[in-house]
Amino acid sequence: MARFPTKFVPLPLLLLLAGCAKQLAQDVSPEADTLPAASVVQAVRSSIASRLRVAGQFIPYQDVDLHAKVSGYIRRINVDIGDRVHAGEILAVLEVPELDAQLAGAKAEVRHTESEIRRAQSEVTRAESTHAALHAAYTRLQQAADQRPGLVAQQELDDARAKDQNSEAQIEVAKAAVEAARQQLGVSNADNLRVQTLSNYSMVIAPFNGVVTMRYADVGSLIQAGTASNTQSMPVVQVAQSDLLRLRMPVPESDVRFIKAGAPVRIRVTALRRSWSGKIVRFTRALDMNTRTMIVEVDVPNRDLTLSPGMFAETEINLQQHGSALNVPAQAVVRDGDKAFILIVNGAHRVEKRLVVTGIEGDNRIEILSGIRPGDSVIVSGQSSYQPDQHVRPQPAPEVNL
């Protein structure tokens, strides 16, 4: 080919040839640095768990206001707030003079009835003795009359037989009197027991081991009987069982189906800087209509009373757990209404959009039931910046963001 000096080539033609050569070079070998970067991680199989974090509150296992069952004045009160008490311990004693008089009368009536029984038994013995004597006399007369007819007048024999029969009837009357006295003793004992029970009610007794959390009365206070529902009676003290507490937690409606007795719960009390594990013991199996939550309880031993009713705790409840589940970082899943999708980078470094079905949602990872396979490179950030089939430059995502 002939070479011509440059000065013979027109300048516009030289500029056109240079532009075409540059465009051709760009089309043939694009620079990798100019491709958009995509932060990716690989989908892996590992253990994943779904946990619910919710605040709980400690309440006493049992908490009661103790009322007096009889009206009276406080004669002695043995406890104050904060005192530990034991089941059966006398906490307060009431002064009820009229009840003391009733009890004395009931005991006297019992003693009187017992005396009546003894007197009636004596009457039975006397009637039996009289009957024995009269029966013996009649028997002798009858034998004499049988041996020597006419020796004993018939009138005398009839009188002896009548006295014998009458004495026998007196025995039955005396026995009936004994039975009646015994029945009366039963009535007297029942009345005495009733009054004695009322007298025992003048003592306020601890129903269980616990702590006195409130004292409502002092010595000399008039206490009304707490037996009628329409009487606004004042309690004497309030006792709470605090050596065993209930940790009560509200569980949202969406997680109720995962709650089971025996499920592990992680408990942390920030105020005490303590953490320990527990188990769900019971739950209401019904939702609160206002909050749409269900109450779940964990029993927490508190023998040293370190925990106080009313304290709050941070709890973590294990809802679901799978040992080997295909999962990706939570930020890799994009929600679109009721659908979910993931963007992956295929072997040709092009973006693919995959619809997926999700499972357990852990703290920062989500289980994928279908749509991708283990080892797929999924985009974990800026998904709105990519389009399907777009050519990208994948690069490992920083672990700190996963």
Protein backbone atom coordinates (compact mmCIF):
# COMPACT_ATOMS: atom_id res chain seq x y z
CA MET A 1 0.00 0.00 0.00
CA ALA A 2 1.26 3.42 -0.88
CA ARG A 3 2.08 5.71 1.99
CA PHE A 4 1.19 9.36 1.64
CA PRO A 5 2.61 12.11 3.73
CA THR A 6 0.31 13.18 6.49
CA LYS A 7 0.10 16.61 5.23
CA PHE A 8 -1.79 15.31 2.20
CA VAL A 9 -4.64 13.73 4.42
CA PRO A 10 -7.46 16.11 5.30
CA LEU A 11 -7.74 16.87 9.07
CA PRO A 12 -11.47 16.02 9.36
CA LEU A 13 -10.80 12.55 8.00
CA LEU A 14 -8.04 11.99 10.57
CA LEU A 15 -10.41 12.95 13.45
CA LEU A 16 -13.13 10.61 12.15
CA LEU A 17 -10.73 7.68 11.90
CA ALA A 18 -9.44 8.27 15.46
CA GLY A 19 -13.01 8.35 16.92
CA CYS A 20 -13.96 5.11 15.18
CA ALA A 21 -10.83 3.38 16.46
CA LYS A 22 -11.62 4.48 20.08
CA GLN A 23 -15.25 3.26 19.87
CA LEU A 24 -14.10 -0.06 18.42
CA ALA A 25 -11.64 -0.53 21.25
CA GLN A 26 -14.40 0.07 23.85
CA ASP A 27 -16.77 -2.42 22.19
CA VAL A 28 -14.21 -5.17 21.88
CA SER A 29 -12.59 -5.11 25.36
CA PRO A 30 -14.67 -3.35 28.09
CA GLU A 31 -12.88 -2.50 31.33
CA ALA A 32 -13.92 -4.59 34.32
CA ASP A 33 -13.55 -1.60 36.59
CA THR A 34 -16.45 0.12 34.94
CA LEU A 35 -19.03 -2.63 35.94
CA PRO A 36 -21.21 -1.86 38.98
CA ALA A 37 -20.08 -3.71 42.12
CA ALA A 38 -22.53 -6.01 43.94
CA SER A 39 -22.01 -7.08 47.55
CA VAL A 40 -22.79 -10.80 47.73
CA VAL A 41 -22.69 -13.69 50.19
CA GLN A 42 -23.28 -17.36 49.63
CA ALA A 43 -26.45 -19.12 50.76
CA VAL A 44 -25.45 -21.74 53.34
CA ARG A 45 -26.98 -24.44 55.47
CA SER A 46 -26.66 -23.90 59.22
CA SER A 47 -28.69 -23.88 62.44
CA ILE A 48 -31.26 -21.10 62.67
CA ALA A 49 -33.67 -20.18 65.43
CA SER A 50 -36.57 -17.79 65.77
CA ARG A 51 -36.63 -15.91 69.08
CA LEU A 52 -39.05 -13.49 70.68
CA ARG A 53 -37.67 -10.75 72.89
CA VAL A 54 -40.20 -9.25 75.28
CA ALA A 55 -40.16 -7.53 78.65
CA GLY A 56 -41.58 -9.46 81.59
CA GLN A 57 -42.53 -8.54 85.15
CA PHE A 58 -42.08 -10.48 88.38
CA ILE A 59 -45.16 -10.97 90.56
CA PRO A 60 -45.61 -13.02 93.76
CA TYR A 61 -46.58 -16.64 93.31
CA GLN A 62 -49.43 -15.99 95.75
CA ASP A 63 -50.62 -12.63 97.07
CA VAL A 64 -53.53 -12.24 99.51
CA ASP A 65 -55.13 -9.67 101.79
CA LEU A 66 -55.86 -11.33 105.13
CA HIS A 67 -59.20 -10.38 106.70
CA ALA A 68 -60.64 -11.21 110.11
CA LYS A 69 -63.74 -13.43 109.96
CA VAL A 70 -65.19 -11.85 113.11
CA SER A 71 -65.58 -8.22 114.12
CA GLY A 72 -63.42 -6.91 116.93
CA TYR A 73 -60.60 -4.66 118.02
CA ILE A 74 -56.95 -5.41 117.33
CA ARG A 75 -55.48 -6.50 120.64
CA ARG A 76 -52.06 -7.45 119.32
CA ILE A 77 -50.35 -7.35 115.92
CA ASN A 78 -47.09 -9.26 115.66
CA VAL A 79 -45.71 -8.27 112.24
CA ASP A 80 -44.87 -5.26 110.13
CA ILE A 81 -44.03 -4.70 106.47
CA GLY A 82 -41.02 -6.63 105.25
CA ASP A 83 -41.26 -9.34 107.91
CA ARG A 84 -40.93 -12.93 106.73
CA VAL A 85 -43.68 -15.18 108.06
CA HIS A 86 -44.35 -18.92 108.01
CA ALA A 87 -47.51 -20.90 107.39
CA GLY A 88 -49.58 -21.18 110.58
CA GLU A 89 -47.89 -18.24 112.30
CA ILE A 90 -50.22 -15.91 114.28
CA LEU A 91 -49.98 -12.45 112.73
CA ALA A 92 -52.60 -10.60 114.79
CA VAL A 93 -55.11 -11.24 117.61
CA LEU A 94 -58.53 -9.57 117.95
CA GLU A 95 -60.38 -8.71 121.16
CA VAL A 96 -63.99 -10.00 120.93
CA PRO A 97 -65.58 -10.00 124.45
CA GLU A 98 -69.05 -11.14 123.37
CA LEU A 99 -67.51 -14.08 121.55
CA ASP A 100 -65.66 -15.11 124.69
CA ALA A 101 -68.98 -15.10 126.57
CA GLN A 102 -70.61 -17.22 123.86
CA LEU A 103 -67.75 -19.70 124.04
CA ALA A 104 -68.07 -19.96 127.83
CA GLY A 105 -71.82 -20.55 127.48
CA ALA A 106 -71.32 -23.22 124.82
CA LYS A 107 -68.81 -25.08 127.00
CA ALA A 108 -71.18 -24.88 129.98
CA GLU A 109 -73.99 -26.32 127.86
CA VAL A 110 -71.76 -29.24 126.89
CA ARG A 111 -70.99 -29.94 130.55
CA HIS A 112 -74.69 -29.71 131.44
CA THR A 113 -75.64 -32.16 128.72
CA GLU A 114 -72.95 -34.60 129.84
CA SER A 115 -74.45 -34.42 133.38
CA GLU A 116 -77.88 -35.14 131.94
CA ILE A 117 -76.51 -38.22 130.24
CA ARG A 118 -75.02 -39.49 133.49
CA ARG A 119 -78.33 -38.84 135.32
CA ALA A 120 -80.30 -40.64 132.62
CA GLN A 121 -77.92 -43.61 132.80
CA SER A 122 -78.47 -43.72 136.55
CA GLU A 123 -82.22 -43.79 135.94
CA VAL A 124 -81.70 -46.77 133.63
CA THR A 125 -79.79 -48.59 136.36
CA ARG A 126 -82.49 -47.78 138.97
CA ALA A 127 -85.28 -48.88 136.63
CA GLU A 128 -83.47 -52.14 135.89
CA SER A 129 -83.01 -52.80 139.61
CA THR A 130 -86.68 -52.07 140.35
CA HIS A 131 -87.76 -54.27 137.49
CA ALA A 132 -85.55 -57.11 138.72
CA ALA A 133 -87.10 -56.95 142.21
CA LEU A 134 -90.69 -56.73 140.97
CA HIS A 135 -90.15 -59.43 138.40
CA ALA A 136 -88.72 -61.74 141.08
CA ALA A 137 -91.74 -61.09 143.37
CA TYR A 138 -94.18 -61.80 140.57
CA THR A 139 -92.31 -64.97 139.61
CA ARG A 140 -92.50 -66.31 143.21
CA LEU A 141 -96.22 -65.58 143.49
CA GLN A 142 -96.87 -67.25 140.19
CA GLN A 143 -94.94 -70.35 141.24
CA ALA A 144 -96.82 -70.51 144.54
CA ALA A 145 -100.14 -70.17 142.75
CA ASP A 146 -99.18 -72.91 140.33
CA GLN A 147 -98.13 -75.30 143.14
CA ARG A 148 -101.10 -74.67 145.40
CA PRO A 149 -104.06 -73.32 143.54
CA GLY A 150 -106.14 -70.86 145.60
CA LEU A 151 -103.28 -70.08 147.95
CA VAL A 152 -102.65 -66.68 146.27
CA ALA A 153 -105.54 -64.41 145.44
CA GLN A 154 -105.92 -63.70 141.77
CA GLN A 155 -106.06 -59.96 142.49
CA GLU A 156 -102.69 -60.09 144.18
CA LEU A 157 -101.21 -62.02 141.29
CA ASP A 158 -102.56 -59.52 138.75
CA ASP A 159 -101.13 -56.61 140.72
CA ALA A 160 -97.69 -58.23 140.83
CA ARG A 161 -97.77 -58.90 137.09
CA ALA A 162 -98.78 -55.25 136.37
CA LYS A 163 -95.96 -53.91 138.50
CA ASP A 164 -93.51 -56.20 136.71
CA GLN A 165 -94.61 -55.01 133.27
CA ASN A 166 -94.62 -51.37 134.36
CA SER A 167 -91.07 -51.61 135.67
CA GLU A 168 -89.97 -53.16 132.41
CA ALA A 169 -91.51 -50.22 130.52
CA GLN A 170 -89.69 -47.79 132.82
CA ILE A 171 -86.40 -49.29 131.68
CA GLU A 172 -87.23 -48.41 128.06
CA VAL A 173 -88.24 -44.88 129.10
CA ALA A 174 -84.95 -44.42 130.93
CA LYS A 175 -83.00 -45.71 127.95
CA ALA A 176 -84.86 -43.30 125.65
CA ALA A 177 -83.93 -40.46 127.99
CA VAL A 178 -80.26 -41.47 127.71
CA GLU A 179 -80.47 -41.47 123.93
CA ALA A 180 -82.14 -38.05 123.92
CA ALA A 181 -79.42 -36.69 126.21
CA ARG A 182 -76.75 -38.06 123.91
CA GLN A 183 -78.36 -36.38 120.92
CA GLN A 184 -78.50 -33.15 122.87
CA LEU A 185 -74.81 -33.56 123.62
CA GLY A 186 -74.17 -33.74 119.88
CA VAL A 187 -76.05 -30.47 119.40
CA SER A 188 -74.14 -28.88 122.28
CA ASN A 189 -70.81 -30.05 120.89
CA ALA A 190 -71.68 -28.69 117.46
CA ASP A 191 -72.61 -25.32 118.91
CA ASN A 192 -69.45 -25.34 121.01
CA LEU A 193 -67.38 -26.16 117.90
CA ARG A 194 -69.04 -23.33 115.98
CA VAL A 195 -68.29 -20.79 118.68
CA GLN A 196 -64.78 -22.20 119.16
CA THR A 197 -64.16 -21.83 115.43
CA LEU A 198 -65.37 -18.24 115.54
CA SER A 199 -63.09 -17.68 118.51
CA ASN A 200 -60.17 -19.08 116.50
CA TYR A 201 -61.06 -16.61 113.76
CA SER A 202 -60.13 -13.84 116.16
CA MET A 203 -56.53 -14.79 115.28
CA VAL A 204 -55.21 -13.82 111.84
CA ILE A 205 -52.91 -16.65 110.70
CA ALA A 206 -50.46 -16.79 107.78
CA PRO A 207 -51.74 -19.23 105.12
CA PHE A 208 -48.29 -19.82 103.58
CA ASN A 209 -44.64 -18.84 103.87
CA GLY A 210 -44.19 -15.31 102.63
CA VAL A 211 -43.44 -11.66 103.29
CA VAL A 212 -45.72 -9.02 104.79
CA THR A 213 -46.02 -6.43 102.02
CA MET A 214 -48.63 -4.18 103.65
CA ARG A 215 -50.03 -3.51 107.14
CA TYR A 216 -53.46 -1.90 107.22
CA ALA A 217 -54.28 -1.81 110.97
CA ASP A 218 -52.71 -0.98 114.32
CA VAL A 219 -53.48 -1.97 117.91
CA GLY A 220 -56.98 -0.75 118.82
CA SER A 221 -58.27 -0.60 115.25
CA LEU A 222 -61.84 -1.80 114.76
CA ILE A 223 -61.95 -4.58 112.20
CA GLN A 224 -65.20 -5.62 110.54
CA ALA A 225 -65.85 -9.26 109.75
CA GLY A 226 -64.80 -10.09 106.20
CA THR A 227 -67.42 -12.78 105.61
CA ALA A 228 -70.09 -10.80 103.74
CA SER A 229 -69.50 -9.74 100.15
CA ASN A 230 -71.44 -6.50 100.63
CA THR A 231 -69.27 -5.39 103.55
CA GLN A 232 -66.28 -3.21 102.75
CA SER A 233 -64.14 -4.73 105.47
CA MET A 234 -60.59 -3.57 105.99
CA PRO A 235 -57.89 -6.26 105.76
CA VAL A 236 -55.36 -6.58 108.55
CA VAL A 237 -52.21 -7.35 106.53
CA GLN A 238 -51.17 -8.35 103.03
CA VAL A 239 -48.90 -11.37 102.60
CA ALA A 240 -47.08 -12.30 99.39
CA GLN A 241 -45.26 -15.54 98.64
CA SER A 242 -41.97 -14.14 97.36
CA ASP A 243 -39.64 -17.13 97.71
CA LEU A 244 -41.15 -18.28 94.41
CA LEU A 245 -42.08 -15.69 91.81
CA ARG A 246 -44.03 -15.73 88.57
CA LEU A 247 -42.32 -14.02 85.63
CA ARG A 248 -45.25 -12.90 83.49
CA MET A 249 -44.71 -12.01 79.81
CA PRO A 250 -47.12 -10.87 77.05
CA VAL A 251 -46.71 -12.80 73.79
CA PRO A 252 -48.05 -11.19 70.57
CA GLU A 253 -50.85 -12.92 68.73
CA SER A 254 -48.61 -13.81 65.77
CA ASP A 255 -46.30 -15.88 68.00
CA VAL A 256 -48.92 -17.59 70.19
CA ARG A 257 -48.94 -20.71 68.02
CA PHE A 258 -45.29 -21.40 68.87
CA ILE A 259 -45.70 -21.26 72.66
CA LYS A 260 -45.38 -24.63 74.40
CA ALA A 261 -44.98 -25.67 78.02
CA GLY A 262 -41.35 -26.48 78.72
CA ALA A 263 -39.95 -24.19 76.02
CA PRO A 264 -36.64 -22.58 77.11
CA VAL A 265 -36.56 -18.92 78.10
CA ARG A 266 -33.47 -16.78 78.64
CA ILE A 267 -33.96 -14.24 81.45
CA ARG A 268 -31.90 -11.16 82.19
CA VAL A 269 -32.50 -8.67 85.01
CA THR A 270 -30.57 -5.54 84.14
CA ALA A 271 -31.01 -4.01 87.61
CA LEU A 272 -29.16 -6.96 89.19
CA ARG A 273 -26.88 -7.74 86.23
CA ARG A 274 -27.95 -11.35 86.38
CA SER A 275 -28.89 -13.81 83.65
CA TRP A 276 -30.21 -17.36 83.83
CA SER A 277 -32.38 -19.84 81.99
CA GLY A 278 -35.92 -20.95 82.72
CA LYS A 279 -38.82 -22.78 81.13
CA ILE A 280 -42.39 -21.87 80.28
CA VAL A 281 -44.61 -23.41 82.96
CA ARG A 282 -48.07 -22.19 82.01
CA PHE A 283 -49.94 -19.83 79.69
CA THR A 284 -53.51 -18.57 79.59
CA ARG A 285 -54.46 -20.11 76.22
CA ALA A 286 -56.54 -16.97 75.61
CA LEU A 287 -55.76 -13.53 74.20
CA ASP A 288 -56.37 -10.22 75.92
CA MET A 289 -58.92 -8.45 73.74
CA ASN A 290 -57.32 -5.04 74.29
CA THR A 291 -53.65 -5.85 73.73
CA ARG A 292 -54.02 -8.95 71.51
CA THR A 293 -51.42 -10.73 73.61
CA MET A 294 -51.37 -13.94 75.63
CA ILE A 295 -49.90 -14.15 79.14
CA VAL A 296 -47.04 -16.64 79.55
CA GLU A 297 -45.48 -17.48 82.93
CA VAL A 298 -42.13 -18.81 84.12
CA ASP A 299 -41.65 -19.87 87.77
CA VAL A 300 -38.48 -18.35 89.24
CA PRO A 301 -37.12 -19.57 92.63
CA ASN A 302 -36.23 -16.66 94.92
CA ARG A 303 -35.27 -18.19 98.27
CA ASP A 304 -32.88 -15.37 99.16
CA LEU A 305 -35.48 -12.72 98.14
CA THR A 306 -32.96 -11.05 95.83
CA LEU A 307 -35.69 -10.47 93.28
CA SER A 308 -38.53 -8.17 94.30
CA PRO A 309 -42.08 -8.34 92.92
CA GLY A 310 -42.56 -5.58 90.39
CA MET A 311 -39.07 -5.86 88.89
CA PHE A 312 -38.76 -6.07 85.11
CA ALA A 313 -36.75 -8.62 83.17
CA GLU A 314 -35.65 -8.92 79.55
CA THR A 315 -36.69 -12.31 78.22
CA GLU A 316 -35.84 -14.25 75.10
CA ILE A 317 -38.20 -17.09 74.15
CA ASN A 318 -37.17 -19.77 71.65
CA LEU A 319 -40.08 -20.10 69.25
CA GLN A 320 -38.67 -22.37 66.48
CA GLN A 321 -35.31 -23.93 65.65
CA HIS A 322 -33.98 -25.95 62.68
CA GLY A 323 -30.60 -27.65 62.83
CA SER A 324 -29.67 -27.54 59.13
CA ALA A 325 -31.62 -24.94 57.20
CA LEU A 326 -30.71 -23.11 53.99
CA ASN A 327 -30.51 -19.47 55.02
CA VAL A 328 -29.31 -16.04 53.93
CA PRO A 329 -28.82 -12.67 55.66
CA ALA A 330 -32.11 -10.95 56.42
CA GLN A 331 -31.22 -7.94 54.24
CA ALA A 332 -30.94 -10.19 51.20
CA VAL A 333 -34.70 -10.82 51.16
CA VAL A 334 -36.85 -8.14 49.53
CA ARG A 335 -40.58 -8.05 50.33
CA ASP A 336 -43.13 -7.07 47.73
CA GLY A 337 -46.57 -7.35 49.26
CA ASP A 338 -47.12 -10.99 50.17
CA LYS A 339 -44.22 -12.10 47.94
CA ALA A 340 -40.50 -12.27 48.63
CA PHE A 341 -37.59 -12.37 46.21
CA ILE A 342 -33.81 -12.51 46.22
CA LEU A 343 -31.33 -11.18 43.63
CA ILE A 344 -28.49 -13.57 42.88
CA VAL A 345 -25.39 -13.24 40.70
CA ASN A 346 -25.01 -16.24 38.39
CA GLY A 347 -21.82 -17.75 36.96
CA ALA A 348 -21.80 -15.22 34.11
CA HIS A 349 -21.87 -12.36 36.64
CA ARG A 350 -25.37 -11.40 35.66
CA VAL A 351 -28.26 -10.60 38.02
CA GLU A 352 -31.17 -13.00 38.37
CA LYS A 353 -34.38 -12.37 40.30
CA ARG A 354 -35.64 -15.42 42.21
CA LEU A 355 -39.00 -15.68 43.99
CA VAL A 356 -38.48 -17.49 47.29
CA VAL A 357 -40.51 -19.02 50.09
CA THR A 358 -39.22 -18.06 53.54
CA GLY A 359 -39.33 -20.02 56.80
CA ILE A 360 -37.89 -19.21 60.20
CA GLU A 361 -36.77 -15.63 60.69
CA GLY A 362 -33.85 -15.46 63.11
CA ASP A 363 -32.06 -12.47 64.55
CA ASN A 364 -30.28 -11.52 61.31
CA ARG A 365 -30.84 -14.47 58.98
CA ILE A 366 -33.87 -15.94 57.24
CA GLU A 367 -34.52 -19.55 56.28
CA ILE A 368 -35.23 -20.11 52.56
CA LEU A 369 -37.50 -23.05 51.84
CA SER A 370 -37.40 -22.81 48.04
CA GLY A 371 -36.14 -20.58 45.23
CA ILE A 372 -32.36 -20.81 45.61
CA ARG A 373 -29.72 -23.47 46.29
CA PRO A 374 -26.77 -23.72 48.68
CA GLY A 375 -23.78 -21.84 47.31
CA ASP A 376 -25.77 -19.29 45.30
CA SER A 377 -24.32 -15.77 45.53
CA VAL A 378 -27.05 -13.47 46.79
CA ILE A 379 -26.95 -9.67 46.75
CA VAL A 380 -27.32 -8.28 50.26
CA SER A 381 -27.58 -4.53 49.73
CA GLY A 382 -28.86 -1.94 47.25
CA GLN A 383 -31.18 -4.37 45.47
CA SER A 384 -33.17 -1.50 43.95
CA SER A 385 -30.04 -0.47 42.01
CA TYR A 386 -29.91 -3.68 39.95
CA GLN A 387 -31.98 -5.01 37.11
CA PRO A 388 -32.41 -8.63 35.97
CA ASP A 389 -29.70 -9.76 33.50
CA GLN A 390 -27.52 -6.75 34.42
CA HIS A 391 -23.79 -7.42 34.20
CA VAL A 392 -22.18 -6.76 37.61
CA ARG A 393 -18.91 -7.25 39.41
CA PRO A 394 -19.56 -9.42 42.54
CA GLN A 395 -17.51 -8.77 45.63
CA PRO A 396 -17.76 -10.34 49.10
CA ALA A 397 -19.91 -8.32 51.47
CA PRO A 398 -18.26 -7.09 54.69
CA GLU A 399 -19.09 -9.49 57.53
CA VAL A 400 -19.80 -6.59 59.89
CA ASN A 401 -22.96 -5.80 57.91
CA LEU A 402 -24.37 -9.36 57.99
